[in-house]
Amino acid sequence: MTLILAIVIGGIIGWLASLIMNRDAQQGIFLNIVVGIVGALLAGFLLNPLIGGGNIAAGDFSLSSLLVSLLGAVVLLAIVNLFTRRSIR
């Protein structure tokens, strides 16, 4: 059940991140899910030890962990934009 919930939450987070970074037209639902999950994992392993809070990968779906995961997905898309478009936005 946690895996299905992580996929759904990851898809929503990836979709929100793609809307923030203006990449929604280039991405489909699969890439939104991948960006959301990978962004959540990156944020969970890199940002959460610095600022504290829960981790979505560990099954903690609190507001702080969701916001940190969204931040991780936005940073991931910014890095992808930097390599594909040569600019962050």
Protein backbone atom coordinates (compact mmCIF):
# COMPACT_ATOMS: atom_id res chain seq x y z
CA MET A 1 0.00 0.00 0.00
CA THR A 2 2.87 2.40 0.78
CA LEU A 3 4.33 1.84 -2.69
CA ILE A 4 1.07 2.77 -4.40
CA LEU A 5 0.73 5.83 -2.18
CA ALA A 6 4.33 6.86 -2.94
CA ILE A 7 3.66 6.56 -6.68
CA VAL A 8 0.49 8.68 -6.44
CA ILE A 9 2.10 11.31 -4.21
CA GLY A 10 5.23 11.27 -6.40
CA GLY A 11 3.10 11.86 -9.48
CA ILE A 12 1.36 14.82 -7.87
CA ILE A 13 4.65 16.29 -6.63
CA GLY A 14 6.26 15.80 -10.05
CA TRP A 15 3.28 17.41 -11.76
CA LEU A 16 3.40 20.42 -9.42
CA ALA A 17 7.15 20.75 -9.94
CA SER A 18 6.72 20.61 -13.72
CA LEU A 19 4.07 23.35 -13.50
CA ILE A 20 6.41 25.51 -11.40
CA MET A 21 9.29 25.00 -13.85
CA ASN A 22 7.12 25.36 -17.01
CA ARG A 23 7.90 21.84 -18.27
CA ASP A 24 4.42 20.38 -18.08
CA ALA A 25 3.95 20.44 -21.84
CA GLN A 26 7.13 18.39 -22.44
CA GLN A 27 6.48 15.74 -19.80
CA GLY A 28 3.92 13.00 -19.60
CA ILE A 29 2.50 11.31 -16.55
CA PHE A 30 5.34 8.78 -16.39
CA LEU A 31 8.03 11.47 -16.26
CA ASN A 32 6.02 13.40 -13.67
CA ILE A 33 6.00 10.32 -11.44
CA VAL A 34 9.72 9.72 -11.98
CA VAL A 35 10.60 13.36 -11.26
CA GLY A 36 8.43 13.36 -8.15
CA ILE A 37 9.88 10.15 -6.74
CA VAL A 38 13.51 10.92 -7.60
CA GLY A 39 13.12 14.48 -6.30
CA ALA A 40 11.63 13.14 -3.08
CA LEU A 41 14.49 10.68 -2.68
CA LEU A 42 17.11 13.34 -3.33
CA ALA A 43 15.44 15.72 -0.91
CA GLY A 44 15.06 12.98 1.67
CA PHE A 45 18.71 12.03 1.59
CA LEU A 46 20.27 15.47 1.04
CA LEU A 47 17.97 18.12 2.51
CA ASN A 48 16.26 16.39 5.43
CA PRO A 49 19.46 15.78 7.41
CA LEU A 50 20.23 19.50 7.08
CA ILE A 51 16.83 20.91 8.00
CA GLY A 52 15.20 17.98 9.79
CA GLY A 53 11.79 16.53 9.11
CA GLY A 54 10.43 13.32 7.71
CA ASN A 55 11.16 11.40 4.59
CA ILE A 56 8.59 10.22 2.06
CA ALA A 57 10.78 7.23 1.19
CA ALA A 58 10.40 6.09 4.80
CA GLY A 59 6.61 6.44 4.62
CA ASP A 60 6.30 9.81 6.39
CA PHE A 61 3.70 11.84 4.49
CA SER A 62 3.69 14.96 6.69
CA LEU A 63 3.38 18.47 5.30
CA SER A 64 7.05 19.23 5.87
CA SER A 65 8.20 16.11 4.04
CA LEU A 66 5.87 16.89 1.13
CA LEU A 67 7.20 20.43 0.84
CA VAL A 68 10.81 19.23 0.99
CA SER A 69 10.01 16.63 -1.67
CA LEU A 70 8.49 19.33 -3.87
CA LEU A 71 11.62 21.41 -3.39
CA GLY A 72 13.75 18.41 -4.36
CA ALA A 73 11.69 17.84 -7.51
CA VAL A 74 11.96 21.52 -8.49
CA VAL A 75 15.74 21.41 -7.96
CA LEU A 76 15.93 18.23 -10.04
CA LEU A 77 14.01 19.89 -12.89
CA ALA A 78 16.22 22.98 -12.62
CA ILE A 79 19.28 20.77 -13.07
CA VAL A 80 17.67 19.02 -16.04
CA ASN A 81 16.79 22.42 -17.55
CA LEU A 82 20.35 23.60 -17.04
CA PHE A 83 21.68 20.73 -19.15
CA THR A 84 18.97 20.65 -21.81
CA ARG A 85 18.16 24.34 -22.30
CA ARG A 86 21.36 25.90 -20.93
CA SER A 87 19.24 27.95 -18.50
CA ILE A 88 17.34 27.19 -15.31
CA ARG A 89 13.98 28.42 -16.62
